[in-house]
């Protein structure tokens, strides 16, 4: 099995994550609040508790936004790829 491109040093995962989140908002798949939760947890590496403190939300709300956001981004994966390929 071939390792992901970021493990091969061909892409920068955090820059790509920023782009995915921005395109997700632009396409209307996620809200800015969901983007903030995803960024805080997946890019900045915060726990749901720490992200909640940072965002002024409960840890449960952060987990829910992240779960819904990941599902929403997965649902539009083909459109995301088209936009990112540009």
PDB file of N, CA and C in Angstrom:
ATOM      1  N   UNK A   1       0.842  -1.179   0.000  1.00  0.00           N
ATOM      2  CA  UNK A   1       0.000   0.000   0.000  1.00  0.00           C
ATOM      3  C   UNK A   1       0.890   1.245   0.000  1.00  0.00           C
ATOM      4  N   UNK A   2       0.572   2.187  -0.856  1.00  0.00           N
ATOM      5  CA  UNK A   2       1.330   3.424  -0.958  1.00  0.00           C
ATOM      6  C   UNK A   2       0.928   4.361   0.182  1.00  0.00           C
ATOM      7  N   UNK A   3       1.905   4.965   0.867  1.00  0.00           N
ATOM      8  CA  UNK A   3       1.566   5.892   1.951  1.00  0.00           C
ATOM      9  C   UNK A   3       0.912   7.157   1.396  1.00  0.00           C
ATOM     10  N   UNK A   4       0.147   7.883   2.229  1.00  0.00           N
ATOM     11  CA  UNK A   4      -0.471   9.124   1.780  1.00  0.00           C
ATOM     12  C   UNK A   4       0.585  10.101   1.271  1.00  0.00           C
ATOM     13  N   UNK A   5       0.160  10.993   0.381  1.00  0.00           N
ATOM     14  CA  UNK A   5       1.096  11.951  -0.210  1.00  0.00           C
ATOM     15  C   UNK A   5       1.816  12.793   0.836  1.00  0.00           C
ATOM     16  N   UNK A   6       1.109  13.161   1.926  1.00  0.00           N
ATOM     17  CA  UNK A   6       1.771  14.005   2.919  1.00  0.00           C
ATOM     18  C   UNK A   6       2.897  13.258   3.614  1.00  0.00           C
ATOM     19  N   UNK A   7       2.769  11.933   3.734  1.00  0.00           N
ATOM     20  CA  UNK A   7       3.851  11.155   4.344  1.00  0.00           C
ATOM     21  C   UNK A   7       5.029  11.006   3.387  1.00  0.00           C
ATOM     22  N   UNK A   8       4.774  11.184   2.119  1.00  0.00           N
ATOM     23  CA  UNK A   8       5.835  11.116   1.123  1.00  0.00           C
ATOM     24  C   UNK A   8       6.504  12.475   0.939  1.00  0.00           C
ATOM     25  N   UNK A   9       6.034  13.485   1.682  1.00  0.00           N
ATOM     26  CA  UNK A   9       6.611  14.820   1.588  1.00  0.00           C
ATOM     27  C   UNK A   9       6.155  15.590   0.365  1.00  0.00           C
ATOM     28  N   UNK A  10       5.083  15.139  -0.288  1.00  0.00           N
ATOM     29  CA  UNK A  10       4.630  15.782  -1.515  1.00  0.00           C
ATOM     30  C   UNK A  10       3.618  16.899  -1.283  1.00  0.00           C
ATOM     31  N   UNK A  11       2.992  16.919  -0.134  1.00  0.00           N
ATOM     32  CA  UNK A  11       2.048  17.982   0.198  1.00  0.00           C
ATOM     33  C   UNK A  11       2.276  18.388   1.643  1.00  0.00           C
ATOM     34  N   UNK A  12       1.796  19.557   1.998  1.00  0.00           N
ATOM     35  CA  UNK A  12       1.900  20.047   3.358  1.00  0.00           C
ATOM     36  C   UNK A  12       0.528  19.889   3.994  1.00  0.00           C
ATOM     37  N   UNK A  13       0.339  18.927   4.905  1.00  0.00           N
ATOM     38  CA  UNK A  13      -1.011  18.611   5.377  1.00  0.00           C
ATOM     39  C   UNK A  13      -1.744  19.766   6.040  1.00  0.00           C
ATOM     40  N   UNK A  14      -1.057  20.620   6.782  1.00  0.00           N
ATOM     41  CA  UNK A  14      -1.791  21.670   7.497  1.00  0.00           C
ATOM     42  C   UNK A  14      -2.241  22.750   6.534  1.00  0.00           C
ATOM     43  N   UNK A  15      -1.427  23.073   5.551  1.00  0.00           N
ATOM     44  CA  UNK A  15      -1.858  24.032   4.534  1.00  0.00           C
ATOM     45  C   UNK A  15      -3.025  23.482   3.749  1.00  0.00           C
ATOM     46  N   UNK A  16      -2.977  22.201   3.434  1.00  0.00           N
ATOM     47  CA  UNK A  16      -4.081  21.566   2.726  1.00  0.00           C
ATOM     48  C   UNK A  16      -5.337  21.559   3.595  1.00  0.00           C
ATOM     49  N   UNK A  17      -5.191  21.326   4.877  1.00  0.00           N
ATOM     50  CA  UNK A  17      -6.348  21.336   5.779  1.00  0.00           C
ATOM     51  C   UNK A  17      -6.997  22.713   5.784  1.00  0.00           C
ATOM     52  N   UNK A  18      -6.192  23.763   5.812  1.00  0.00           N
ATOM     53  CA  UNK A  18      -6.718  25.132   5.767  1.00  0.00           C
ATOM     54  C   UNK A  18      -7.530  25.337   4.496  1.00  0.00           C
ATOM     55  N   UNK A  19      -6.996  24.873   3.380  1.00  0.00           N
ATOM     56  CA  UNK A  19      -7.689  25.030   2.095  1.00  0.00           C
ATOM     57  C   UNK A  19      -8.984  24.232   2.074  1.00  0.00           C
ATOM     58  N   UNK A  20      -8.953  23.003   2.559  1.00  0.00           N
ATOM     59  CA  UNK A  20     -10.163  22.172   2.587  1.00  0.00           C
ATOM     60  C   UNK A  20     -11.245  22.861   3.407  1.00  0.00           C
ATOM     61  N   UNK A  21     -10.879  23.369   4.574  1.00  0.00           N
ATOM     62  CA  UNK A  21     -11.863  24.034   5.425  1.00  0.00           C
ATOM     63  C   UNK A  21     -12.415  25.287   4.769  1.00  0.00           C
ATOM     64  N   UNK A  22     -11.551  26.074   4.151  1.00  0.00           N
ATOM     65  CA  UNK A  22     -12.007  27.300   3.481  1.00  0.00           C
ATOM     66  C   UNK A  22     -12.926  26.988   2.313  1.00  0.00           C
ATOM     67  N   UNK A  23     -12.561  25.995   1.526  1.00  0.00           N
ATOM     68  CA  UNK A  23     -13.406  25.598   0.385  1.00  0.00           C
ATOM     69  C   UNK A  23     -14.716  25.007   0.898  1.00  0.00           C
ATOM     70  N   UNK A  24     -14.669  24.253   1.981  1.00  0.00           N
ATOM     71  CA  UNK A  24     -15.893  23.711   2.568  1.00  0.00           C
ATOM     72  C   UNK A  24     -16.875  24.799   2.958  1.00  0.00           C
ATOM     73  N   UNK A  25     -16.363  25.889   3.517  1.00  0.00           N
ATOM     74  CA  UNK A  25     -17.224  27.032   3.859  1.00  0.00           C
ATOM     75  C   UNK A  25     -17.734  27.697   2.576  1.00  0.00           C
ATOM     76  N   UNK A  26     -16.833  27.914   1.614  1.00  0.00           N
ATOM     77  CA  UNK A  26     -17.216  28.579   0.364  1.00  0.00           C
ATOM     78  C   UNK A  26     -18.298  27.793  -0.382  1.00  0.00           C
ATOM     79  N   UNK A  27     -18.234  26.474  -0.321  1.00  0.00           N
ATOM     80  CA  UNK A  27     -19.236  25.639  -0.987  1.00  0.00           C
ATOM     81  C   UNK A  27     -20.505  25.482  -0.161  1.00  0.00           C
ATOM     82  N   UNK A  28     -20.503  26.004   1.050  1.00  0.00           N
ATOM     83  CA  UNK A  28     -21.687  25.933   1.897  1.00  0.00           C
ATOM     84  C   UNK A  28     -21.873  24.606   2.614  1.00  0.00           C
ATOM     85  N   UNK A  29     -20.836  23.779   2.617  1.00  0.00           N
ATOM     86  CA  UNK A  29     -20.949  22.477   3.281  1.00  0.00           C
ATOM     87  C   UNK A  29     -20.826  22.596   4.789  1.00  0.00           C
ATOM     88  N   UNK A  30     -20.011  23.532   5.247  1.00  0.00           N
ATOM     89  CA  UNK A  30     -19.832  23.754   6.687  1.00  0.00           C
ATOM     90  C   UNK A  30     -19.974  25.237   6.988  1.00  0.00           C
ATOM     91  N   UNK A  31     -20.361  25.524   8.213  1.00  0.00           N
ATOM     92  CA  UNK A  31     -20.488  26.916   8.646  1.00  0.00           C
ATOM     93  C   UNK A  31     -19.141  27.417   9.164  1.00  0.00           C
ATOM     94  N   UNK A  32     -18.988  28.724   9.270  1.00  0.00           N
ATOM     95  CA  UNK A  32     -17.756  29.252   9.868  1.00  0.00           C
ATOM     96  C   UNK A  32     -17.522  28.732  11.291  1.00  0.00           C
ATOM     97  N   UNK A  33     -18.583  28.528  12.060  1.00  0.00           N
ATOM     98  CA  UNK A  33     -18.417  27.989  13.424  1.00  0.00           C
ATOM     99  C   UNK A  33     -17.910  26.555  13.388  1.00  0.00           C
ATOM    100  N   UNK A  34     -18.408  25.773  12.450  1.00  0.00           N
ATOM    101  CA  UNK A  34     -17.932  24.399  12.301  1.00  0.00           C
ATOM    102  C   UNK A  34     -16.491  24.410  11.830  1.00  0.00           C
ATOM    103  N   UNK A  35     -16.168  25.312  10.907  1.00  0.00           N
ATOM    104  CA  UNK A  35     -14.788  25.441  10.431  1.00  0.00           C
ATOM    105  C   UNK A  35     -13.860  25.747  11.599  1.00  0.00           C
ATOM    106  N   UNK A  36     -14.276  26.645  12.475  1.00  0.00           N
ATOM    107  CA  UNK A  36     -13.448  27.014  13.630  1.00  0.00           C
ATOM    108  C   UNK A  36     -13.217  25.814  14.550  1.00  0.00           C
ATOM    109  N   UNK A  37     -14.258  25.018  14.761  1.00  0.00           N
ATOM    110  CA  UNK A  37     -14.118  23.833  15.613  1.00  0.00           C
ATOM    111  C   UNK A  37     -13.172  22.823  14.967  1.00  0.00           C
ATOM    112  N   UNK A  38     -13.356  22.549  13.679  1.00  0.00           N
ATOM    113  CA  UNK A  38     -12.481  21.617  12.973  1.00  0.00           C
ATOM    114  C   UNK A  38     -11.029  22.103  12.991  1.00  0.00           C
ATOM    115  N   UNK A  39     -10.841  23.385  12.767  1.00  0.00           N
ATOM    116  CA  UNK A  39      -9.486  23.950  12.760  1.00  0.00           C
ATOM    117  C   UNK A  39      -8.842  23.812  14.136  1.00  0.00           C
ATOM    118  N   UNK A  40      -9.593  24.154  15.154  1.00  0.00           N
ATOM    119  CA  UNK A  40      -9.063  24.100  16.514  1.00  0.00           C
ATOM    120  C   UNK A  40      -8.646  22.684  16.903  1.00  0.00           C
ATOM    121  N   UNK A  41      -9.459  21.698  16.539  1.00  0.00           N
ATOM    122  CA  UNK A  41      -9.184  20.311  16.926  1.00  0.00           C
ATOM    123  C   UNK A  41      -8.169  19.658  15.994  1.00  0.00           C
ATOM    124  N   UNK A  42      -8.411  19.721  14.683  1.00  0.00           N
ATOM    125  CA  UNK A  42      -7.594  18.947  13.747  1.00  0.00           C
ATOM    126  C   UNK A  42      -6.330  19.645  13.274  1.00  0.00           C
ATOM    127  N   UNK A  43      -6.328  20.965  13.232  1.00  0.00           N
ATOM    128  CA  UNK A  43      -5.128  21.680  12.787  1.00  0.00           C
ATOM    129  C   UNK A  43      -4.283  22.106  13.980  1.00  0.00           C
ATOM    130  N   UNK A  44      -4.939  22.695  14.985  1.00  0.00           N
ATOM    131  CA  UNK A  44      -4.197  23.184  16.142  1.00  0.00           C
ATOM    132  C   UNK A  44      -3.952  22.097  17.180  1.00  0.00           C
ATOM    133  N   UNK A  45      -4.666  20.974  17.075  1.00  0.00           N
ATOM    134  CA  UNK A  45      -4.427  19.845  17.964  1.00  0.00           C
ATOM    135  C   UNK A  45      -5.009  19.972  19.355  1.00  0.00           C
ATOM    136  N   UNK A  46      -6.016  20.807  19.512  1.00  0.00           N
ATOM    137  CA  UNK A  46      -6.625  20.972  20.823  1.00  0.00           C
ATOM    138  C   UNK A  46      -7.589  19.833  21.129  1.00  0.00           C
ATOM    139  N   UNK A  47      -7.745  19.539  22.388  1.00  0.00           N
ATOM    140  CA  UNK A  47      -8.792  18.603  22.806  1.00  0.00           C
ATOM    141  C   UNK A  47     -10.133  19.306  22.639  1.00  0.00           C
ATOM    142  N   UNK A  48     -11.214  18.536  22.702  1.00  0.00           N
ATOM    143  CA  UNK A  48     -12.533  19.169  22.586  1.00  0.00           C
ATOM    144  C   UNK A  48     -12.773  20.128  23.757  1.00  0.00           C
ATOM    145  N   UNK A  49     -12.238  19.792  24.914  1.00  0.00           N
ATOM    146  CA  UNK A  49     -12.389  20.682  26.073  1.00  0.00           C
ATOM    147  C   UNK A  49     -11.642  21.991  25.849  1.00  0.00           C
ATOM    148  N   UNK A  50     -10.376  21.896  25.414  1.00  0.00           N
ATOM    149  CA  UNK A  50      -9.577  23.101  25.169  1.00  0.00           C
ATOM    150  C   UNK A  50     -10.155  23.915  24.015  1.00  0.00           C
ATOM    151  N   UNK A  51     -10.616  23.231  22.982  1.00  0.00           N
ATOM    152  CA  UNK A  51     -11.230  23.934  21.848  1.00  0.00           C
ATOM    153  C   UNK A  51     -12.498  24.648  22.303  1.00  0.00           C
ATOM    154  N   UNK A  52     -13.280  23.995  23.165  1.00  0.00           N
ATOM    155  CA  UNK A  52     -14.487  24.616  23.684  1.00  0.00           C
ATOM    156  C   UNK A  52     -14.192  25.884  24.459  1.00  0.00           C
ATOM    157  N   UNK A  53     -13.168  25.840  25.294  1.00  0.00           N
ATOM    158  CA  UNK A  53     -12.775  27.047  26.043  1.00  0.00           C
ATOM    159  C   UNK A  53     -12.370  28.138  25.068  1.00  0.00           C
ATOM    160  N   UNK A  54     -11.566  27.787  24.082  1.00  0.00           N
ATOM    161  CA  UNK A  54     -11.096  28.744  23.074  1.00  0.00           C
ATOM    162  C   UNK A  54     -12.248  29.345  22.277  1.00  0.00           C
ATOM    163  N   UNK A  55     -13.241  28.515  21.947  1.00  0.00           N
ATOM    164  CA  UNK A  55     -14.341  28.950  21.083  1.00  0.00           C
ATOM    165  C   UNK A  55     -15.574  29.425  21.846  1.00  0.00           C
ATOM    166  N   UNK A  56     -15.558  29.278  23.168  1.00  0.00           N
ATOM    167  CA  UNK A  56     -16.723  29.674  23.957  1.00  0.00           C
ATOM    168  C   UNK A  56     -17.880  28.713  23.799  1.00  0.00           C
ATOM    169  N   UNK A  57     -17.576  27.427  23.705  1.00  0.00           N
ATOM    170  CA  UNK A  57     -18.601  26.398  23.545  1.00  0.00           C
ATOM    171  C   UNK A  57     -18.264  25.243  24.477  1.00  0.00           C
ATOM    172  N   UNK A  58     -19.218  24.359  24.663  1.00  0.00           N
ATOM    173  CA  UNK A  58     -18.946  23.183  25.490  1.00  0.00           C
ATOM    174  C   UNK A  58     -18.132  22.170  24.685  1.00  0.00           C
ATOM    175  N   UNK A  59     -17.473  21.275  25.391  1.00  0.00           N
ATOM    176  CA  UNK A  59     -16.716  20.215  24.731  1.00  0.00           C
ATOM    177  C   UNK A  59     -17.649  19.352  23.877  1.00  0.00           C
ATOM    178  N   UNK A  60     -18.852  19.102  24.376  1.00  0.00           N
ATOM    179  CA  UNK A  60     -19.820  18.297  23.617  1.00  0.00           C
ATOM    180  C   UNK A  60     -20.215  18.995  22.320  1.00  0.00           C
ATOM    181  N   UNK A  61     -20.380  20.317  22.367  1.00  0.00           N
ATOM    182  CA  UNK A  61     -20.722  21.066  21.153  1.00  0.00           C
ATOM    183  C   UNK A  61     -19.591  20.999  20.132  1.00  0.00           C
ATOM    184  N   UNK A  62     -18.354  21.078  20.613  1.00  0.00           N
ATOM    185  CA  UNK A  62     -17.206  20.979  19.712  1.00  0.00           C
ATOM    186  C   UNK A  62     -17.171  19.602  19.067  1.00  0.00           C
ATOM    187  N   UNK A  63     -17.363  18.560  19.847  1.00  0.00           N
ATOM    188  CA  UNK A  63     -17.366  17.199  19.281  1.00  0.00           C
ATOM    189  C   UNK A  63     -18.476  17.034  18.249  1.00  0.00           C
ATOM    190  N   UNK A  64     -19.650  17.579  18.545  1.00  0.00           N
ATOM    191  CA  UNK A  64     -20.772  17.473  17.622  1.00  0.00           C
ATOM    192  C   UNK A  64     -20.473  18.231  16.326  1.00  0.00           C
ATOM    193  N   UNK A  65     -19.956  19.449  16.436  1.00  0.00           N
ATOM    194  CA  UNK A  65     -19.624  20.230  15.228  1.00  0.00           C
ATOM    195  C   UNK A  65     -18.567  19.522  14.397  1.00  0.00           C
ATOM    196  N   UNK A  66     -17.565  18.964  15.058  1.00  0.00           N
ATOM    197  CA  UNK A  66     -16.511  18.247  14.319  1.00  0.00           C
ATOM    198  C   UNK A  66     -17.079  17.024  13.610  1.00  0.00           C
ATOM    199  N   UNK A  67     -17.912  16.273  14.299  1.00  0.00           N
ATOM    200  CA  UNK A  67     -18.504  15.081  13.704  1.00  0.00           C
ATOM    201  C   UNK A  67     -19.357  15.447  12.489  1.00  0.00           C
ATOM    202  N   UNK A  68     -20.204  16.432  12.655  1.00  0.00           N
ATOM    203  CA  UNK A  68     -21.063  16.863  11.553  1.00  0.00           C
ATOM    204  C   UNK A  68     -20.239  17.466  10.418  1.00  0.00           C
ATOM    205  N   UNK A  69     -19.204  18.215  10.772  1.00  0.00           N
ATOM    206  CA  UNK A  69     -18.363  18.841   9.753  1.00  0.00           C
ATOM    207  C   UNK A  69     -17.606  17.830   8.919  1.00  0.00           C
ATOM    208  N   UNK A  70     -17.051  16.822   9.561  1.00  0.00           N
ATOM    209  CA  UNK A  70     -16.322  15.785   8.824  1.00  0.00           C
ATOM    210  C   UNK A  70     -17.277  15.046   7.890  1.00  0.00           C
ATOM    211  N   UNK A  71     -18.464  14.734   8.375  1.00  0.00           N
ATOM    212  CA  UNK A  71     -19.454  14.057   7.505  1.00  0.00           C
ATOM    213  C   UNK A  71     -19.846  14.934   6.327  1.00  0.00           C
ATOM    214  N   UNK A  72     -20.033  16.223   6.581  1.00  0.00           N
ATOM    215  CA  UNK A  72     -20.422  17.148   5.508  1.00  0.00           C
ATOM    216  C   UNK A  72     -19.306  17.273   4.462  1.00  0.00           C
ATOM    217  N   UNK A  73     -18.061  17.345   4.919  1.00  0.00           N
ATOM    218  CA  UNK A  73     -16.941  17.438   3.974  1.00  0.00           C
ATOM    219  C   UNK A  73     -16.784  16.145   3.183  1.00  0.00           C
ATOM    220  N   UNK A  74     -16.977  15.026   3.843  1.00  0.00           N
ATOM    221  CA  UNK A  74     -16.904  13.739   3.141  1.00  0.00           C
ATOM    222  C   UNK A  74     -17.968  13.662   2.059  1.00  0.00           C
ATOM    223  N   UNK A  75     -19.147  14.192   2.336  1.00  0.00           N
ATOM    224  CA  UNK A  75     -20.259  14.128   1.387  1.00  0.00           C
ATOM    225  C   UNK A  75     -19.979  14.936   0.120  1.00  0.00           C
ATOM    226  N   UNK A  76     -19.139  15.950   0.227  1.00  0.00           N
ATOM    227  CA  UNK A  76     -18.830  16.768  -0.959  1.00  0.00           C
ATOM    228  C   UNK A  76     -17.397  16.550  -1.438  1.00  0.00           C
ATOM    229  N   UNK A  77     -16.825  15.416  -1.097  1.00  0.00           N
ATOM    230  CA  UNK A  77     -15.429  15.140  -1.454  1.00  0.00           C
ATOM    231  C   UNK A  77     -15.135  15.353  -2.941  1.00  0.00           C
ATOM    232  N   UNK A  78     -15.972  14.903  -3.869  1.00  0.00           N
ATOM    233  CA  UNK A  78     -15.655  15.137  -5.288  1.00  0.00           C
ATOM    234  C   UNK A  78     -15.574  16.625  -5.640  1.00  0.00           C
ATOM    235  N   UNK A  79     -16.507  17.421  -5.096  1.00  0.00           N
ATOM    236  CA  UNK A  79     -16.480  18.864  -5.358  1.00  0.00           C
ATOM    237  C   UNK A  79     -15.245  19.509  -4.724  1.00  0.00           C
ATOM    238  N   UNK A  80     -14.908  19.061  -3.522  1.00  0.00           N
ATOM    239  CA  UNK A  80     -13.696  19.571  -2.860  1.00  0.00           C
ATOM    240  C   UNK A  80     -12.469  19.309  -3.709  1.00  0.00           C
ATOM    241  N   UNK A  81     -12.352  18.086  -4.213  1.00  0.00           N
ATOM    242  CA  UNK A  81     -11.197  17.741  -5.043  1.00  0.00           C
ATOM    243  C   UNK A  81     -11.130  18.589  -6.294  1.00  0.00           C
ATOM    244  N   UNK A  82     -12.279  18.818  -6.921  1.00  0.00           N
ATOM    245  CA  UNK A  82     -12.301  19.677  -8.113  1.00  0.00           C
ATOM    246  C   UNK A  82     -11.824  21.086  -7.788  1.00  0.00           C
ATOM    247  N   UNK A  83     -12.334  21.639  -6.689  1.00  0.00           N
ATOM    248  CA  UNK A  83     -11.938  23.001  -6.283  1.00  0.00           C
ATOM    249  C   UNK A  83     -10.454  23.069  -5.908  1.00  0.00           C
ATOM    250  N   UNK A  84      -9.975  22.088  -5.181  1.00  0.00           N
ATOM    251  CA  UNK A  84      -8.587  22.094  -4.731  1.00  0.00           C
ATOM    252  C   UNK A  84      -7.627  21.873  -5.880  1.00  0.00           C
ATOM    253  N   UNK A  85      -8.050  21.116  -6.899  1.00  0.00           N
ATOM    254  CA  UNK A  85      -7.197  20.867  -8.052  1.00  0.00           C
ATOM    255  C   UNK A  85      -7.116  22.099  -8.947  1.00  0.00           C
ATOM    256  N   UNK A  86      -8.110  22.947  -8.803  1.00  0.00           N
ATOM    257  CA  UNK A  86      -8.214  24.196  -9.387  1.00  0.00           C
ATOM    258  C   UNK A  86      -8.077  24.632 -10.694  1.00  0.00           C
TER     259      UNK A  86
END
